[in-house]
Structures are given as C-alpha cells and as structure tokens.
Amino acid sequence: MEKFAWKAPIMGGNQRTVFHLRIHELSPDEKRQYIDSLGVNPSHIVSFRDCDGHRTYLGWLIEDTHDHIVFKTINGQIHRIERMHR
C-alpha cells in the first residue's frame, strides 16, 4: 500500500502518514453546485485515510508532481502531501 506524508497546518504543522489518497477533479455540474451552495468555485476534492479516519477536503490543486501535491482548501489552508518512498 502506498503511503503519503501529510503536512497538516490544521494540526499545527505536524506530519501524519496517510493512505488511499484520491484526487478528484470536479465536473462543471459539481462546481456549479458548490458555487450555488458555498459561493466558491473549487476545482478538486482530495480525500484520504489517516489514523483518525477518512478526511475529505474541497479546494484547489495548486501543484501535482511525482513526489507531492499542494492543495489549498476553501478556508485558505495550504496542505502539502508528499509520497513516501521506500
């Protein structure tokens, strides 16, 4: 199972190991729903599992490389999720 390291500002910048990372690009219809309900125009949903359960974030994918992704949530937090190489 592939592991990722999540550097989470929500937890004071601590790092956690996460699994089952999924990045879903929103369709135009999905985006329209969020614009109507939240007043924001997100591009992606990022979800994964960690020791506390399943997490899902709505926002914008800023960077996507072989080694990491950078994601900005709709509340302005920046998350960096790095691939843990063996």
PDB file of N, CA and C in Angstrom:
ATOM      1  N   MET A   1       0.837  -1.170   0.000  1.00  0.00           N
ATOM      2  CA  MET A   1       0.000   0.000   0.000  1.00  0.00           C
ATOM      3  C   MET A   1       0.890   1.244   0.000  1.00  0.00           C
ATOM      4  N   GLU A   2       0.598   2.154  -0.887  1.00  0.00           N
ATOM      5  CA  GLU A   2       1.396   3.368  -0.978  1.00  0.00           C
ATOM      6  C   GLU A   2       1.073   4.304   0.176  1.00  0.00           C
ATOM      7  N   LYS A   3       2.117   4.884   0.768  1.00  0.00           N
ATOM      8  CA  LYS A   3       1.950   5.796   1.888  1.00  0.00           C
ATOM      9  C   LYS A   3       2.313   7.210   1.452  1.00  0.00           C
ATOM     10  N   PHE A   4       1.682   8.158   2.089  1.00  0.00           N
ATOM     11  CA  PHE A   4       1.950   9.566   1.844  1.00  0.00           C
ATOM     12  C   PHE A   4       2.150  10.257   3.185  1.00  0.00           C
ATOM     13  N   ALA A   5       2.952  11.311   3.196  1.00  0.00           N
ATOM     14  CA  ALA A   5       3.140  12.114   4.396  1.00  0.00           C
ATOM     15  C   ALA A   5       2.365  13.407   4.216  1.00  0.00           C
ATOM     16  N   TRP A   6       1.458  13.679   5.138  1.00  0.00           N
ATOM     17  CA  TRP A   6       0.607  14.856   5.057  1.00  0.00           C
ATOM     18  C   TRP A   6       1.108  15.884   6.053  1.00  0.00           C
ATOM     19  N   LYS A   7       1.561  17.022   5.573  1.00  0.00           N
ATOM     20  CA  LYS A   7       1.990  18.108   6.444  1.00  0.00           C
ATOM     21  C   LYS A   7       0.777  19.006   6.631  1.00  0.00           C
ATOM     22  N   ALA A   8       0.199  18.936   7.803  1.00  0.00           N
ATOM     23  CA  ALA A   8      -1.124  19.496   8.009  1.00  0.00           C
ATOM     24  C   ALA A   8      -1.118  20.734   8.889  1.00  0.00           C
ATOM     25  N   PRO A   9      -1.377  21.907   8.322  1.00  0.00           N
ATOM     26  CA  PRO A   9      -1.451  23.112   9.139  1.00  0.00           C
ATOM     27  C   PRO A   9      -2.593  23.068  10.142  1.00  0.00           C
ATOM     28  N   ILE A  10      -3.615  22.290   9.841  1.00  0.00           N
ATOM     29  CA  ILE A  10      -4.752  22.152  10.740  1.00  0.00           C
ATOM     30  C   ILE A  10      -4.331  21.534  12.083  1.00  0.00           C
ATOM     31  N   MET A  11      -3.219  20.797  12.086  1.00  0.00           N
ATOM     32  CA  MET A  11      -2.719  20.176  13.314  1.00  0.00           C
ATOM     33  C   MET A  11      -1.418  20.829  13.759  1.00  0.00           C
ATOM     34  N   GLY A  12      -1.276  22.113  13.539  1.00  0.00           N
ATOM     35  CA  GLY A  12      -0.090  22.830  13.987  1.00  0.00           C
ATOM     36  C   GLY A  12       1.150  22.517  13.177  1.00  0.00           C
ATOM     37  N   GLY A  13       0.985  22.061  11.946  1.00  0.00           N
ATOM     38  CA  GLY A  13       2.128  21.767  11.098  1.00  0.00           C
ATOM     39  C   GLY A  13       2.715  20.390  11.312  1.00  0.00           C
ATOM     40  N   ASN A  14       2.082  19.571  12.153  1.00  0.00           N
ATOM     41  CA  ASN A  14       2.574  18.214  12.387  1.00  0.00           C
ATOM     42  C   ASN A  14       2.424  17.379  11.121  1.00  0.00           C
ATOM     43  N   GLN A  15       3.190  16.303  11.058  1.00  0.00           N
ATOM     44  CA  GLN A  15       3.151  15.421   9.891  1.00  0.00           C
ATOM     45  C   GLN A  15       2.490  14.109  10.265  1.00  0.00           C
ATOM     46  N   ARG A  16       1.641  13.605   9.392  1.00  0.00           N
ATOM     47  CA  ARG A  16       0.962  12.326   9.578  1.00  0.00           C
ATOM     48  C   ARG A  16       1.178  11.455   8.358  1.00  0.00           C
ATOM     49  N   THR A  17       1.086  10.145   8.550  1.00  0.00           N
ATOM     50  CA  THR A  17       1.095   9.220   7.430  1.00  0.00           C
ATOM     51  C   THR A  17      -0.338   8.978   7.006  1.00  0.00           C
ATOM     52  N   VAL A  18      -0.585   9.074   5.700  1.00  0.00           N
ATOM     53  CA  VAL A  18      -1.935   8.875   5.174  1.00  0.00           C
ATOM     54  C   VAL A  18      -1.912   7.816   4.080  1.00  0.00           C
ATOM     55  N   PHE A  19      -3.076   7.231   3.820  1.00  0.00           N
ATOM     56  CA  PHE A  19      -3.220   6.155   2.843  1.00  0.00           C
ATOM     57  C   PHE A  19      -4.402   6.444   1.936  1.00  0.00           C
ATOM     58  N   HIS A  20      -4.476   5.720   0.837  1.00  0.00           N
ATOM     59  CA  HIS A  20      -5.615   5.781  -0.081  1.00  0.00           C
ATOM     60  C   HIS A  20      -5.899   7.203  -0.565  1.00  0.00           C
ATOM     61  N   LEU A  21      -4.864   7.902  -0.958  1.00  0.00           N
ATOM     62  CA  LEU A  21      -5.029   9.268  -1.461  1.00  0.00           C
ATOM     63  C   LEU A  21      -5.785   9.249  -2.776  1.00  0.00           C
ATOM     64  N   ARG A  22      -6.826  10.066  -2.851  1.00  0.00           N
ATOM     65  CA  ARG A  22      -7.607  10.214  -4.078  1.00  0.00           C
ATOM     66  C   ARG A  22      -7.760  11.693  -4.386  1.00  0.00           C
ATOM     67  N   ILE A  23      -7.550  12.030  -5.643  1.00  0.00           N
ATOM     68  CA  ILE A  23      -7.719  13.401  -6.107  1.00  0.00           C
ATOM     69  C   ILE A  23      -8.775  13.357  -7.202  1.00  0.00           C
ATOM     70  N   HIS A  24      -9.876  14.059  -6.978  1.00  0.00           N
ATOM     71  CA  HIS A  24     -10.996  14.041  -7.916  1.00  0.00           C
ATOM     72  C   HIS A  24     -11.202  15.443  -8.478  1.00  0.00           C
ATOM     73  N   GLU A  25     -11.065  15.570  -9.798  1.00  0.00           N
ATOM     74  CA  GLU A  25     -11.352  16.853 -10.438  1.00  0.00           C
ATOM     75  C   GLU A  25     -12.862  16.986 -10.590  1.00  0.00           C
ATOM     76  N   LEU A  26     -13.397  18.123 -10.151  1.00  0.00           N
ATOM     77  CA  LEU A  26     -14.837  18.340 -10.194  1.00  0.00           C
ATOM     78  C   LEU A  26     -15.319  18.601 -11.608  1.00  0.00           C
ATOM     79  N   SER A  27     -16.467  18.060 -11.927  1.00  0.00           N
ATOM     80  CA  SER A  27     -17.103  18.314 -13.221  1.00  0.00           C
ATOM     81  C   SER A  27     -17.734  19.712 -13.187  1.00  0.00           C
ATOM     82  N   PRO A  28     -18.073  20.271 -14.339  1.00  0.00           N
ATOM     83  CA  PRO A  28     -18.748  21.577 -14.352  1.00  0.00           C
ATOM     84  C   PRO A  28     -20.040  21.583 -13.520  1.00  0.00           C
ATOM     85  N   ASP A  29     -20.797  20.490 -13.544  1.00  0.00           N
ATOM     86  CA  ASP A  29     -22.028  20.419 -12.744  1.00  0.00           C
ATOM     87  C   ASP A  29     -21.726  20.408 -11.244  1.00  0.00           C
ATOM     88  N   GLU A  30     -20.695  19.654 -10.851  1.00  0.00           N
ATOM     89  CA  GLU A  30     -20.306  19.628  -9.438  1.00  0.00           C
ATOM     90  C   GLU A  30     -19.840  21.003  -8.986  1.00  0.00           C
ATOM     91  N   LYS A  31     -19.038  21.661  -9.818  1.00  0.00           N
ATOM     92  CA  LYS A  31     -18.573  23.017  -9.482  1.00  0.00           C
ATOM     93  C   LYS A  31     -19.750  23.962  -9.302  1.00  0.00           C
ATOM     94  N   ARG A  32     -20.723  23.880 -10.173  1.00  0.00           N
ATOM     95  CA  ARG A  32     -21.899  24.752 -10.111  1.00  0.00           C
ATOM     96  C   ARG A  32     -22.645  24.567  -8.786  1.00  0.00           C
ATOM     97  N   GLN A  33     -22.721  23.328  -8.318  1.00  0.00           N
ATOM     98  CA  GLN A  33     -23.388  23.060  -7.036  1.00  0.00           C
ATOM     99  C   GLN A  33     -22.677  23.771  -5.885  1.00  0.00           C
ATOM    100  N   TYR A  34     -21.334  23.733  -5.893  1.00  0.00           N
ATOM    101  CA  TYR A  34     -20.574  24.392  -4.826  1.00  0.00           C
ATOM    102  C   TYR A  34     -20.652  25.915  -4.942  1.00  0.00           C
ATOM    103  N   ILE A  35     -20.681  26.415  -6.147  1.00  0.00           N
ATOM    104  CA  ILE A  35     -20.833  27.858  -6.339  1.00  0.00           C
ATOM    105  C   ILE A  35     -22.182  28.289  -5.767  1.00  0.00           C
ATOM    106  N   ASP A  36     -23.241  27.537  -6.077  1.00  0.00           N
ATOM    107  CA  ASP A  36     -24.581  27.871  -5.601  1.00  0.00           C
ATOM    108  C   ASP A  36     -24.713  27.747  -4.087  1.00  0.00           C
ATOM    109  N   SER A  37     -24.132  26.688  -3.512  1.00  0.00           N
ATOM    110  CA  SER A  37     -24.328  26.439  -2.079  1.00  0.00           C
ATOM    111  C   SER A  37     -23.309  27.144  -1.181  1.00  0.00           C
ATOM    112  N   LEU A  38     -22.049  27.252  -1.633  1.00  0.00           N
ATOM    113  CA  LEU A  38     -20.994  27.815  -0.789  1.00  0.00           C
ATOM    114  C   LEU A  38     -20.446  29.151  -1.282  1.00  0.00           C
ATOM    115  N   GLY A  39     -20.731  29.485  -2.531  1.00  0.00           N
ATOM    116  CA  GLY A  39     -20.212  30.731  -3.084  1.00  0.00           C
ATOM    117  C   GLY A  39     -18.746  30.660  -3.469  1.00  0.00           C
ATOM    118  N   VAL A  40     -18.212  29.459  -3.639  1.00  0.00           N
ATOM    119  CA  VAL A  40     -16.822  29.266  -4.070  1.00  0.00           C
ATOM    120  C   VAL A  40     -16.802  28.397  -5.317  1.00  0.00           C
ATOM    121  N   ASN A  41     -15.707  28.465  -6.064  1.00  0.00           N
ATOM    122  CA  ASN A  41     -15.558  27.703  -7.300  1.00  0.00           C
ATOM    123  C   ASN A  41     -14.354  26.767  -7.186  1.00  0.00           C
ATOM    124  N   PRO A  42     -14.459  25.686  -6.394  1.00  0.00           N
ATOM    125  CA  PRO A  42     -13.336  24.761  -6.225  1.00  0.00           C
ATOM    126  C   PRO A  42     -13.078  23.954  -7.488  1.00  0.00           C
ATOM    127  N   SER A  43     -11.864  23.415  -7.591  1.00  0.00           N
ATOM    128  CA  SER A  43     -11.507  22.608  -8.759  1.00  0.00           C
ATOM    129  C   SER A  43     -11.422  21.120  -8.447  1.00  0.00           C
ATOM    130  N   HIS A  44     -11.123  20.770  -7.188  1.00  0.00           N
ATOM    131  CA  HIS A  44     -10.864  19.372  -6.839  1.00  0.00           C
ATOM    132  C   HIS A  44     -11.378  19.031  -5.443  1.00  0.00           C
ATOM    133  N   ILE A  45     -11.534  17.733  -5.222  1.00  0.00           N
ATOM    134  CA  ILE A  45     -11.738  17.172  -3.891  1.00  0.00           C
ATOM    135  C   ILE A  45     -10.568  16.221  -3.643  1.00  0.00           C
ATOM    136  N   VAL A  46      -9.940  16.351  -2.495  1.00  0.00           N
ATOM    137  CA  VAL A  46      -8.860  15.453  -2.086  1.00  0.00           C
ATOM    138  C   VAL A  46      -9.370  14.661  -0.893  1.00  0.00           C
ATOM    139  N   SER A  47      -9.205  13.345  -0.933  1.00  0.00           N
ATOM    140  CA  SER A  47      -9.611  12.524   0.200  1.00  0.00           C
ATOM    141  C   SER A  47      -8.548  11.470   0.480  1.00  0.00           C
ATOM    142  N   PHE A  48      -8.479  11.060   1.745  1.00  0.00           N
ATOM    143  CA  PHE A  48      -7.511  10.045   2.170  1.00  0.00           C
ATOM    144  C   PHE A  48      -7.901   9.535   3.544  1.00  0.00           C
ATOM    145  N   ARG A  49      -7.206   8.506   4.000  1.00  0.00           N
ATOM    146  CA  ARG A  49      -7.398   7.948   5.344  1.00  0.00           C
ATOM    147  C   ARG A  49      -6.134   8.198   6.152  1.00  0.00           C
ATOM    148  N   ASP A  50      -6.344   8.479   7.437  1.00  0.00           N
ATOM    149  CA  ASP A  50      -5.222   8.548   8.377  1.00  0.00           C
ATOM    150  C   ASP A  50      -5.663   7.855   9.660  1.00  0.00           C
ATOM    151  N   CYS A  51      -4.888   7.998  10.736  1.00  0.00           N
ATOM    152  CA  CYS A  51      -5.199   7.258  11.962  1.00  0.00           C
ATOM    153  C   CYS A  51      -6.515   7.704  12.599  1.00  0.00           C
ATOM    154  N   ASP A  52      -7.033   8.867  12.238  1.00  0.00           N
ATOM    155  CA  ASP A  52      -8.297   9.346  12.794  1.00  0.00           C
ATOM    156  C   ASP A  52      -9.495   9.041  11.904  1.00  0.00           C
ATOM    157  N   GLY A  53      -9.287   8.400  10.761  1.00  0.00           N
ATOM    158  CA  GLY A  53     -10.392   8.061   9.884  1.00  0.00           C
ATOM    159  C   GLY A  53     -10.239   8.657   8.500  1.00  0.00           C
ATOM    160  N   HIS A  54     -11.360   8.865   7.848  1.00  0.00           N
ATOM    161  CA  HIS A  54     -11.380   9.363   6.477  1.00  0.00           C
ATOM    162  C   HIS A  54     -11.484  10.882   6.487  1.00  0.00           C
ATOM    163  N   ARG A  55     -10.695  11.547   5.643  1.00  0.00           N
ATOM    164  CA  ARG A  55     -10.724  13.007   5.543  1.00  0.00           C
ATOM    165  C   ARG A  55     -11.007  13.394   4.097  1.00  0.00           C
ATOM    166  N   THR A  56     -11.796  14.443   3.927  1.00  0.00           N
ATOM    167  CA  THR A  56     -12.125  14.956   2.606  1.00  0.00           C
ATOM    168  C   THR A  56     -12.007  16.470   2.635  1.00  0.00           C
ATOM    169  N   TYR A  57     -11.311  17.025   1.646  1.00  0.00           N
ATOM    170  CA  TYR A  57     -11.130  18.470   1.559  1.00  0.00           C
ATOM    171  C   TYR A  57     -11.551  18.960   0.182  1.00  0.00           C
ATOM    172  N   LEU A  58     -12.190  20.102   0.161  1.00  0.00           N
ATOM    173  CA  LEU A  58     -12.651  20.749  -1.044  1.00  0.00           C
ATOM    174  C   LEU A  58     -11.783  21.974  -1.281  1.00  0.00           C
ATOM    175  N   GLY A  59     -11.308  22.163  -2.522  1.00  0.00           N
ATOM    176  CA  GLY A  59     -10.473  23.336  -2.800  1.00  0.00           C
ATOM    177  C   GLY A  59      -9.838  23.286  -4.169  1.00  0.00           C
ATOM    178  N   TRP A  60      -8.590  23.729  -4.211  1.00  0.00           N
ATOM    179  CA  TRP A  60      -7.880  23.874  -5.474  1.00  0.00           C
ATOM    180  C   TRP A  60      -6.547  23.129  -5.434  1.00  0.00           C
ATOM    181  N   LEU A  61      -6.272  22.383  -6.472  1.00  0.00           N
ATOM    182  CA  LEU A  61      -4.994  21.698  -6.619  1.00  0.00           C
ATOM    183  C   LEU A  61      -4.004  22.719  -7.163  1.00  0.00           C
ATOM    184  N   ILE A  62      -2.990  23.056  -6.386  1.00  0.00           N
ATOM    185  CA  ILE A  62      -2.019  24.078  -6.767  1.00  0.00           C
ATOM    186  C   ILE A  62      -0.834  23.463  -7.505  1.00  0.00           C
ATOM    187  N   GLU A  63      -0.398  22.304  -7.024  1.00  0.00           N
ATOM    188  CA  GLU A  63       0.774  21.650  -7.616  1.00  0.00           C
ATOM    189  C   GLU A  63       0.593  20.139  -7.533  1.00  0.00           C
ATOM    190  N   ASP A  64       0.959  19.439  -8.592  1.00  0.00           N
ATOM    191  CA  ASP A  64       0.846  17.987  -8.627  1.00  0.00           C
ATOM    192  C   ASP A  64       2.078  17.447  -9.342  1.00  0.00           C
ATOM    193  N   THR A  65       3.021  16.903  -8.573  1.00  0.00           N
ATOM    194  CA  THR A  65       4.243  16.349  -9.147  1.00  0.00           C
ATOM    195  C   THR A  65       4.322  14.864  -8.774  1.00  0.00           C
ATOM    196  N   HIS A  66       5.364  14.216  -9.240  1.00  0.00           N
ATOM    197  CA  HIS A  66       5.594  12.807  -8.908  1.00  0.00           C
ATOM    198  C   HIS A  66       5.807  12.621  -7.404  1.00  0.00           C
ATOM    199  N   ASP A  67       6.398  13.613  -6.735  1.00  0.00           N
ATOM    200  CA  ASP A  67       6.752  13.492  -5.326  1.00  0.00           C
ATOM    201  C   ASP A  67       5.730  14.045  -4.344  1.00  0.00           C
ATOM    202  N   HIS A  68       4.902  14.992  -4.789  1.00  0.00           N
ATOM    203  CA  HIS A  68       3.979  15.620  -3.844  1.00  0.00           C
ATOM    204  C   HIS A  68       2.836  16.341  -4.555  1.00  0.00           C
ATOM    205  N   ILE A  69       1.820  16.679  -3.747  1.00  0.00           N
ATOM    206  CA  ILE A  69       0.789  17.595  -4.226  1.00  0.00           C
ATOM    207  C   ILE A  69       0.674  18.731  -3.210  1.00  0.00           C
ATOM    208  N   VAL A  70       0.245  19.877  -3.687  1.00  0.00           N
ATOM    209  CA  VAL A  70      -0.065  21.009  -2.815  1.00  0.00           C
ATOM    210  C   VAL A  70      -1.515  21.370  -3.098  1.00  0.00           C
ATOM    211  N   PHE A  71      -2.281  21.473  -2.029  1.00  0.00           N
ATOM    212  CA  PHE A  71      -3.716  21.671  -2.138  1.00  0.00           C
ATOM    213  C   PHE A  71      -4.139  22.804  -1.215  1.00  0.00           C
ATOM    214  N   LYS A  72      -4.960  23.716  -1.723  1.00  0.00           N
ATOM    215  CA  LYS A  72      -5.483  24.819  -0.914  1.00  0.00           C
ATOM    216  C   LYS A  72      -6.969  24.573  -0.672  1.00  0.00           C
ATOM    217  N   THR A  73      -7.360  24.523   0.601  1.00  0.00           N
ATOM    218  CA  THR A  73      -8.756  24.285   0.941  1.00  0.00           C
ATOM    219  C   THR A  73      -9.569  25.563   0.778  1.00  0.00           C
ATOM    220  N   ILE A  74     -10.888  25.415   0.768  1.00  0.00           N
ATOM    221  CA  ILE A  74     -11.737  26.581   0.569  1.00  0.00           C
ATOM    222  C   ILE A  74     -11.648  27.570   1.732  1.00  0.00           C
ATOM    223  N   ASN A  75     -11.132  27.128   2.887  1.00  0.00           N
ATOM    224  CA  ASN A  75     -10.944  28.060   4.002  1.00  0.00           C
ATOM    225  C   ASN A  75      -9.535  28.659   4.028  1.00  0.00           C
ATOM    226  N   GLY A  76      -8.735  28.408   2.968  1.00  0.00           N
ATOM    227  CA  GLY A  76      -7.437  29.061   2.814  1.00  0.00           C
ATOM    228  C   GLY A  76      -6.230  28.310   3.338  1.00  0.00           C
ATOM    229  N   GLN A  77      -6.404  27.127   3.919  1.00  0.00           N
ATOM    230  CA  GLN A  77      -5.261  26.365   4.409  1.00  0.00           C
ATOM    231  C   GLN A  77      -4.536  25.690   3.245  1.00  0.00           C
ATOM    232  N   ILE A  78      -3.202  25.690   3.323  1.00  0.00           N
ATOM    233  CA  ILE A  78      -2.370  25.035   2.314  1.00  0.00           C
ATOM    234  C   ILE A  78      -1.895  23.702   2.896  1.00  0.00           C
ATOM    235  N   HIS A  79      -2.127  22.627   2.161  1.00  0.00           N
ATOM    236  CA  HIS A  79      -1.699  21.290   2.579  1.00  0.00           C
ATOM    237  C   HIS A  79      -0.689  20.760   1.561  1.00  0.00           C
ATOM    238  N   ARG A  80       0.377  20.184   2.057  1.00  0.00           N
ATOM    239  CA  ARG A  80       1.370  19.534   1.199  1.00  0.00           C
ATOM    240  C   ARG A  80       1.343  18.058   1.550  1.00  0.00           C
ATOM    241  N   ILE A  81       1.109  17.229   0.557  1.00  0.00           N
ATOM    242  CA  ILE A  81       1.066  15.782   0.758  1.00  0.00           C
ATOM    243  C   ILE A  81       2.179  15.175  -0.074  1.00  0.00           C
ATOM    244  N   GLU A  82       3.138  14.542   0.607  1.00  0.00           N
ATOM    245  CA  GLU A  82       4.328  14.006  -0.054  1.00  0.00           C
ATOM    246  C   GLU A  82       4.273  12.493  -0.141  1.00  0.00           C
ATOM    247  N   ARG A  83       4.725  11.951  -1.271  1.00  0.00           N
ATOM    248  CA  ARG A  83       4.817  10.500  -1.449  1.00  0.00           C
ATOM    249  C   ARG A  83       6.020  10.015  -0.625  1.00  0.00           C
ATOM    250  N   MET A  84       5.804   8.985   0.170  1.00  0.00           N
ATOM    251  CA  MET A  84       6.875   8.407   0.994  1.00  0.00           C
ATOM    252  C   MET A  84       7.526   7.291   0.199  1.00  0.00           C
ATOM    253  N   HIS A  85       8.764   7.497  -0.225  1.00  0.00           N
ATOM    254  CA  HIS A  85       9.491   6.488  -0.991  1.00  0.00           C
ATOM    255  C   HIS A  85      10.099   5.469  -0.039  1.00  0.00           C
ATOM    256  N   ARG A  86      10.098   4.246  -0.476  1.00  0.00           N
ATOM    257  CA  ARG A  86      10.658   3.174   0.376  1.00  0.00           C
ATOM    258  C   ARG A  86      12.142   3.072   0.232  1.00  0.00           C
TER     259      ARG A  86
END
